[in-house]
Amino acid sequence: MKFGYWTPVFGSWLRNVDDDSTKCSWEYIKDLTLKAERLGYVLTLVPELYLNDIKGEKASALDAWAISNALAAITSKIEILAALRPQYHQVALTAKQIATISEICGGRFSINMVSAWWAEEARQYGINFDGHDDRYGLTKEYTDVLRGFWSKSPFHHQGRYFHFENSYNEPKPSTMPLVYAGGESEKGRSAIAEFADKYLMHGGTVEEVRGKIADMKARKQKAGLVPFKGFGMATYIIIRDTEEEALKELERITTIKNYADYENSYQNFTGNSELDVEISKQEYSVSNRGLRPNLVGTPKQVAQRIKAYEEAGLDLLIIQCANMKEELERIANELMPLF
């Protein structure tokens, strides 16, 4: 099992807690990333939202691509996985950006293709928000165009969304950037099987994860495509010396402080995402269903649960936690050595 973590571009991941020391600042993210790299984390996922999904739209949120550029320049080993929503990035310019960032970090830059879900954010930023299936259609063609710019000169493309003739993007990346993606709807899974190198999942039970991995492998095989290179899952981890202490922390972070705001955010997310399982209010206390895997307990208890995910085919955990500097160090020192 490999371990990665989420870059806190929103600061805290906790919707119900105000005293998390995780900060929404470049200085905090810089120090966290350099520390995580030393501790042995292999990847950081930099999420992209221009509004703060955790603390509300009036709270601060840093730009994913500015942060990713900076991390590319200061790190030496860790893979930087930047979320990319096609509606927010002109494709030819983005192909150039990615090739350039990849050169800066020696090929350690990857992208997480996201079809987008937040209609209100799109409205505020003047972005067209198409229907669910159209967003996945755009994402598939957008990825094809990126790869075309990275591999062909001149590049020609005639599609539903994009048209290019005798177009050049030089220099090419030294290695083809990896494309990650996650989705649960039928349209999403179908598209992702066609264009993604690695499949990412929200937090889920072992049975849910095993089923999704089997389904996505079968889709690749049926289409005659190269198999997925890996499967990752978002998770929130709490480890303590005793199970009682871990459960006490779980209760603290899942106690809803403002139900009206919480309910509005919950309905906005679930209404636009076409999730394949119902997300509980407790699970929504952190993002991406991070509590659903129940990685809460002593290091040995959590390691035992993680090994069940390994047996199901999972090879990457992307961790959220709080407070991040302290908890990532605890996880690295007490949990990761068990693998």
Protein backbone atom coordinates (compact mmCIF):
# COMPACT_ATOMS: atom_id res chain seq x y z
CA MET A 1 0.00 0.00 0.00
CA LYS A 2 1.24 3.46 -0.92
CA PHE A 3 0.27 6.54 1.10
CA GLY A 4 -0.54 10.00 -0.23
CA TYR A 5 -2.41 12.96 1.21
CA TRP A 6 -4.63 15.88 0.21
CA THR A 7 -3.03 19.31 -0.02
CA PRO A 8 -5.16 21.59 2.21
CA VAL A 9 -5.95 24.35 -0.28
CA PHE A 10 -9.08 25.06 1.83
CA GLY A 11 -7.29 24.74 5.16
CA SER A 12 -9.19 22.38 7.45
CA TRP A 13 -11.08 19.35 6.10
CA LEU A 14 -13.48 19.47 9.06
CA ARG A 15 -16.93 20.94 8.50
CA ASN A 16 -17.91 20.94 12.18
CA VAL A 17 -14.70 22.02 13.93
CA ASP A 18 -13.20 25.51 14.13
CA ASP A 19 -9.97 24.88 16.08
CA ASP A 20 -8.09 22.74 13.53
CA SER A 21 -4.60 24.21 13.16
CA THR A 22 -4.43 23.29 9.45
CA LYS A 23 -4.10 26.61 7.65
CA CYS A 24 -5.18 27.84 4.23
CA SER A 25 -1.82 29.41 3.37
CA TRP A 26 1.14 28.82 1.07
CA GLU A 27 3.59 28.78 3.99
CA TYR A 28 1.63 26.02 5.73
CA ILE A 29 1.28 23.97 2.53
CA LYS A 30 4.98 24.40 1.68
CA ASP A 31 6.12 23.23 5.12
CA LEU A 32 3.58 20.37 5.13
CA THR A 33 4.68 19.10 1.71
CA LEU A 34 8.39 19.14 2.45
CA LYS A 35 7.72 17.35 5.72
CA ALA A 36 5.44 14.78 4.07
CA GLU A 37 8.04 14.09 1.40
CA ARG A 38 10.65 13.39 4.10
CA LEU A 39 8.21 11.13 5.93
CA GLY A 40 7.71 8.90 2.88
CA TYR A 41 4.40 10.02 1.38
CA VAL A 42 4.52 9.33 -2.36
CA LEU A 43 1.77 11.63 -3.67
CA THR A 44 -0.19 14.75 -2.88
CA LEU A 45 -3.57 15.44 -4.46
CA VAL A 46 -4.20 19.16 -4.97
CA PRO A 47 -7.99 19.66 -5.22
CA GLU A 48 -9.48 22.38 -7.39
CA LEU A 49 -12.41 24.48 -6.23
CA TYR A 50 -12.50 28.27 -6.37
CA LEU A 51 -14.98 28.38 -3.50
CA ASN A 52 -14.42 26.65 -0.16
CA ASP A 53 -16.48 23.45 -0.08
CA ILE A 54 -15.60 22.73 3.57
CA LYS A 55 -16.07 26.00 5.44
CA GLY A 56 -18.49 27.71 3.06
CA GLU A 57 -18.23 29.88 -0.03
CA LYS A 58 -17.20 33.00 1.92
CA ALA A 59 -14.10 31.24 3.31
CA SER A 60 -10.68 31.27 1.67
CA ALA A 61 -9.65 28.78 -1.04
CA LEU A 62 -6.28 28.77 -2.81
CA ASP A 63 -5.81 28.10 -6.52
CA ALA A 64 -4.81 24.48 -7.18
CA TRP A 65 -2.62 25.22 -10.18
CA ALA A 66 -0.66 28.03 -8.60
CA ILE A 67 0.00 25.76 -5.63
CA SER A 68 0.96 22.83 -7.90
CA ASN A 69 3.41 24.99 -9.84
CA ALA A 70 5.10 26.04 -6.62
CA LEU A 71 5.23 22.48 -5.24
CA ALA A 72 6.79 21.26 -8.48
CA ALA A 73 9.66 23.68 -7.96
CA ILE A 74 10.43 22.93 -4.29
CA THR A 75 10.00 19.13 -4.11
CA SER A 76 12.26 16.34 -5.35
CA LYS A 77 10.42 13.01 -5.02
CA ILE A 78 6.70 13.33 -4.37
CA GLU A 79 4.15 12.98 -7.20
CA ILE A 80 1.99 16.09 -7.61
CA LEU A 81 -1.55 15.21 -8.67
CA ALA A 82 -3.46 18.36 -9.64
CA ALA A 83 -7.21 18.29 -10.13
CA LEU A 84 -8.30 19.60 -13.53
CA ARG A 85 -11.86 20.58 -14.44
CA PRO A 86 -12.11 21.04 -18.23
CA GLN A 87 -14.73 23.80 -18.01
CA TYR A 88 -12.24 26.03 -16.19
CA HIS A 89 -9.16 25.55 -18.42
CA GLN A 90 -8.68 26.22 -22.14
CA VAL A 91 -7.35 22.90 -23.40
CA ALA A 92 -4.46 23.93 -25.67
CA LEU A 93 -3.04 26.34 -23.08
CA THR A 94 -3.44 23.67 -20.39
CA ALA A 95 -1.51 21.14 -22.50
CA LYS A 96 1.34 23.67 -22.60
CA GLN A 97 1.10 24.32 -18.85
CA ILE A 98 1.23 20.64 -17.98
CA ALA A 99 4.20 20.00 -20.25
CA THR A 100 6.02 22.91 -18.61
CA ILE A 101 5.23 21.88 -15.03
CA SER A 102 6.27 18.33 -15.89
CA GLU A 103 9.65 19.66 -17.00
CA ILE A 104 10.03 21.68 -13.80
CA CYS A 105 9.55 18.60 -11.60
CA GLY A 106 11.17 15.94 -13.78
CA GLY A 107 7.95 14.19 -14.81
CA ARG A 108 6.37 13.99 -11.34
CA PHE A 109 3.24 15.91 -12.38
CA SER A 110 -0.07 14.10 -12.97
CA ILE A 111 -3.65 15.27 -13.42
CA ASN A 112 -6.91 14.19 -11.80
CA MET A 113 -9.67 14.78 -14.36
CA VAL A 114 -12.84 16.00 -12.62
CA SER A 115 -16.14 16.55 -14.41
CA ALA A 116 -17.19 19.19 -11.79
CA TRP A 117 -20.27 19.15 -9.59
CA TRP A 118 -20.76 22.60 -7.99
CA ALA A 119 -23.29 24.55 -10.04
CA GLU A 120 -23.22 27.58 -7.73
CA GLU A 121 -19.45 27.91 -8.03
CA ALA A 122 -19.73 27.80 -11.83
CA ARG A 123 -22.42 30.52 -11.74
CA GLN A 124 -20.30 32.81 -9.58
CA TYR A 125 -17.27 32.42 -11.86
CA GLY A 126 -19.17 32.73 -15.14
CA ILE A 127 -18.55 29.13 -16.19
CA ASN A 128 -21.02 27.10 -18.24
CA PHE A 129 -22.35 24.17 -16.20
CA ASP A 130 -23.63 21.44 -18.54
CA GLY A 131 -25.63 18.35 -17.63
CA HIS A 132 -23.94 15.42 -15.93
CA ASP A 133 -23.47 13.24 -19.03
CA ASP A 134 -22.30 16.15 -21.17
CA ARG A 135 -19.65 17.01 -18.58
CA TYR A 136 -18.21 13.50 -18.87
CA GLY A 137 -18.32 13.66 -22.67
CA LEU A 138 -16.32 16.88 -22.52
CA THR A 139 -13.85 15.37 -20.05
CA LYS A 140 -13.18 12.37 -22.31
CA GLU A 141 -12.52 14.46 -25.43
CA TYR A 142 -10.51 17.03 -23.45
CA THR A 143 -8.17 14.26 -22.26
CA ASP A 144 -7.79 12.97 -25.82
CA VAL A 145 -6.78 16.46 -26.95
CA LEU A 146 -4.23 16.83 -24.15
CA ARG A 147 -2.56 13.57 -25.13
CA GLY A 148 -2.63 14.62 -28.76
CA PHE A 149 -0.78 17.84 -28.00
CA TRP A 150 1.74 15.90 -25.89
CA SER A 151 2.53 13.33 -28.59
CA LYS A 152 1.88 14.70 -32.12
CA SER A 153 3.34 17.53 -34.21
CA PRO A 154 1.49 19.01 -35.90
CA PHE A 155 -1.69 18.06 -34.06
CA HIS A 156 -5.04 17.72 -35.85
CA HIS A 157 -8.37 17.10 -34.12
CA GLN A 158 -12.00 17.37 -35.15
CA GLY A 159 -14.47 16.50 -32.41
CA ARG A 160 -17.71 17.52 -30.80
CA TYR A 161 -16.14 20.07 -28.45
CA PHE A 162 -12.76 20.95 -30.00
CA HIS A 163 -11.22 21.59 -33.40
CA PHE A 164 -7.49 22.00 -34.05
CA GLU A 165 -5.57 22.04 -37.32
CA ASN A 166 -1.77 22.18 -37.75
CA SER A 167 -1.27 22.99 -34.06
CA TYR A 168 2.07 22.71 -32.23
CA ASN A 169 2.90 22.28 -28.57
CA GLU A 170 6.66 22.14 -27.98
CA PRO A 171 8.47 20.80 -26.12
CA LYS A 172 6.66 17.56 -25.48
CA PRO A 173 6.68 16.13 -21.93
CA SER A 174 9.62 13.76 -21.43
CA THR A 175 7.13 11.17 -20.17
CA MET A 176 3.38 11.09 -20.80
CA PRO A 177 1.65 12.57 -17.71
CA LEU A 178 -0.56 10.10 -15.89
CA VAL A 179 -4.30 10.74 -15.91
CA TYR A 180 -6.33 9.83 -12.81
CA ALA A 181 -10.12 10.06 -12.60
CA GLY A 182 -13.01 9.07 -10.36
CA GLY A 183 -16.73 8.68 -10.95
CA GLU A 184 -19.58 6.42 -9.89
CA SER A 185 -22.39 6.91 -12.40
CA GLU A 186 -22.73 4.63 -15.42
CA LYS A 187 -21.69 7.45 -17.74
CA GLY A 188 -18.77 8.35 -15.52
CA ARG A 189 -17.41 4.82 -15.26
CA SER A 190 -17.83 4.23 -18.97
CA ALA A 191 -15.90 7.39 -19.87
CA ILE A 192 -13.19 6.86 -17.26
CA ALA A 193 -12.54 3.32 -18.49
CA GLU A 194 -11.73 4.84 -21.89
CA PHE A 195 -9.40 7.67 -20.89
CA ALA A 196 -7.90 7.21 -17.39
CA ASP A 197 -4.65 5.51 -16.39
CA LYS A 198 -5.67 5.18 -12.73
CA TYR A 199 -9.07 5.05 -11.05
CA LEU A 200 -9.81 6.96 -7.84
CA MET A 201 -12.70 6.33 -5.45
CA HIS A 202 -14.42 8.14 -2.64
CA GLY A 203 -14.09 6.37 0.68
CA GLY A 204 -16.06 3.13 0.71
CA THR A 205 -16.37 -0.21 2.41
CA VAL A 206 -14.10 -3.07 1.36
CA GLU A 207 -17.02 -4.67 -0.49
CA GLU A 208 -17.82 -1.45 -2.35
CA VAL A 209 -14.20 -0.92 -3.35
CA ARG A 210 -13.75 -4.53 -4.43
CA GLY A 211 -16.85 -4.29 -6.62
CA LYS A 212 -15.75 -1.02 -8.26
CA ILE A 213 -12.26 -2.32 -9.00
CA ALA A 214 -13.65 -5.49 -10.57
CA ASP A 215 -16.14 -3.47 -12.63
CA MET A 216 -13.53 -1.02 -13.91
CA LYS A 217 -11.07 -3.78 -14.77
CA ALA A 218 -13.80 -5.54 -16.75
CA ARG A 219 -14.66 -2.37 -18.66
CA LYS A 220 -11.03 -1.90 -19.71
CA GLN A 221 -10.76 -5.53 -20.76
CA LYS A 222 -14.03 -5.48 -22.71
CA ALA A 223 -12.85 -2.40 -24.62
CA GLY A 224 -9.50 -4.01 -25.40
CA LEU A 225 -7.61 -1.25 -23.59
CA VAL A 226 -4.46 -1.32 -21.50
CA PRO A 227 -5.34 -2.24 -17.87
CA PHE A 228 -5.50 0.42 -15.17
CA LYS A 229 -2.12 1.15 -13.60
CA GLY A 230 -3.57 1.48 -10.11
CA PHE A 231 -6.55 2.12 -7.87
CA GLY A 232 -6.72 4.76 -5.13
CA MET A 233 -9.20 5.77 -2.44
CA ALA A 234 -9.80 8.93 -0.42
CA THR A 235 -9.88 8.34 3.32
CA TYR A 236 -9.83 10.15 6.63
CA ILE A 237 -7.59 8.44 9.19
CA ILE A 238 -7.68 8.70 12.97
CA ILE A 239 -5.13 6.69 14.96
CA ARG A 240 -4.61 6.91 18.70
CA ASP A 241 -2.99 4.80 21.41
CA THR A 242 -6.37 3.30 22.31
CA GLU A 243 -9.57 2.67 20.38
CA GLU A 244 -11.47 4.70 22.99
CA GLU A 245 -9.35 7.78 22.28
CA ALA A 246 -9.82 7.38 18.52
CA LEU A 247 -13.59 7.07 18.86
CA LYS A 248 -13.67 10.16 21.07
CA GLU A 249 -11.93 12.13 18.31
CA LEU A 250 -14.39 10.74 15.76
CA GLU A 251 -17.31 11.95 17.88
CA ARG A 252 -15.73 15.39 18.19
CA ILE A 253 -15.34 15.95 14.45
CA THR A 254 -18.78 14.56 13.50
CA THR A 255 -20.86 16.64 15.93
CA ILE A 256 -22.76 19.03 13.64
CA LYS A 257 -22.50 22.63 14.84
CA ASN A 258 -24.78 24.42 12.33
CA TYR A 259 -27.34 22.10 10.80
CA ALA A 260 -28.92 24.62 8.39
CA ASP A 261 -25.65 25.43 6.59
CA TYR A 262 -24.61 21.80 6.72
CA GLU A 263 -27.86 20.62 5.13
CA ASN A 264 -27.63 23.16 2.30
CA SER A 265 -24.08 22.12 1.41
CA TYR A 266 -24.96 18.43 1.67
CA GLN A 267 -27.89 18.75 -0.74
CA ASN A 268 -25.86 20.81 -3.23
CA PHE A 269 -23.16 18.14 -3.39
CA THR A 270 -25.34 15.03 -3.48
CA GLY A 271 -27.80 16.62 -5.92
CA ASN A 272 -25.19 17.15 -8.64
CA SER A 273 -22.91 14.15 -8.21
CA GLU A 274 -25.02 11.04 -9.06
CA LEU A 275 -23.36 9.01 -6.29
CA ASP A 276 -23.91 5.27 -6.27
CA VAL A 277 -24.34 5.06 -2.47
CA GLU A 278 -26.13 7.31 -0.02
CA ILE A 279 -23.75 9.44 2.00
CA SER A 280 -24.68 9.84 5.66
CA LYS A 281 -24.60 13.15 7.50
CA GLN A 282 -21.79 11.79 9.68
CA GLU A 283 -19.74 10.84 6.61
CA TYR A 284 -20.28 14.32 5.18
CA SER A 285 -18.50 15.81 8.20
CA VAL A 286 -15.33 15.41 6.12
CA SER A 287 -15.05 15.49 2.34
CA ASN A 288 -15.05 12.64 -0.20
CA ARG A 289 -16.72 10.12 2.16
CA GLY A 290 -13.43 9.87 4.03
CA LEU A 291 -14.98 8.33 7.14
CA ARG A 292 -16.81 5.53 5.33
CA PRO A 293 -13.80 3.14 5.36
CA ASN A 294 -13.75 3.41 9.19
CA LEU A 295 -9.98 3.76 9.45
CA VAL A 296 -10.33 4.78 13.09
CA GLY A 297 -8.61 3.04 15.99
CA THR A 298 -5.16 1.97 17.10
CA PRO A 299 -2.42 1.69 14.44
CA LYS A 300 -2.71 -2.12 14.46
CA GLN A 301 -6.50 -2.00 14.10
CA VAL A 302 -6.33 0.45 11.22
CA ALA A 303 -3.49 -1.48 9.53
CA GLN A 304 -5.58 -4.65 9.65
CA ARG A 305 -8.48 -2.88 7.92
CA ILE A 306 -6.17 -1.39 5.31
CA LYS A 307 -4.78 -4.83 4.49
CA ALA A 308 -8.31 -5.94 3.62
CA TYR A 309 -8.39 -3.11 1.06
CA GLU A 310 -5.05 -4.27 -0.33
CA GLU A 311 -6.52 -7.73 -0.82
CA ALA A 312 -9.44 -6.12 -2.66
CA GLY A 313 -7.01 -4.56 -5.16
CA LEU A 314 -6.44 -1.07 -3.71
CA ASP A 315 -2.85 0.21 -3.84
CA LEU A 316 -3.09 3.90 -2.82
CA LEU A 317 -4.67 5.75 0.09
CA ILE A 318 -5.02 9.54 -0.21
CA ILE A 319 -5.35 10.79 3.34
CA GLN A 320 -7.20 13.64 4.99
CA CYS A 321 -6.64 14.26 8.69
CA ALA A 322 -6.51 17.00 11.30
CA ASN A 323 -4.38 18.63 12.46
CA MET A 324 -2.48 17.78 9.27
CA LYS A 325 1.17 18.32 10.21
CA GLU A 326 0.83 16.44 13.47
CA GLU A 327 -1.40 13.66 12.15
CA LEU A 328 0.56 12.96 8.96
CA GLU A 329 3.66 12.55 11.14
CA ARG A 330 1.80 10.23 13.52
CA ILE A 331 0.53 8.13 10.60
CA ALA A 332 4.01 7.97 9.06
CA ASN A 333 5.67 6.93 12.31
CA GLU A 334 3.03 4.54 13.69
CA LEU A 335 0.96 3.21 10.81
CA MET A 336 3.07 3.20 7.63
CA PRO A 337 5.86 1.01 9.16
CA LEU A 338 3.27 -1.78 9.54
CA PHE A 339 3.36 -2.04 5.73
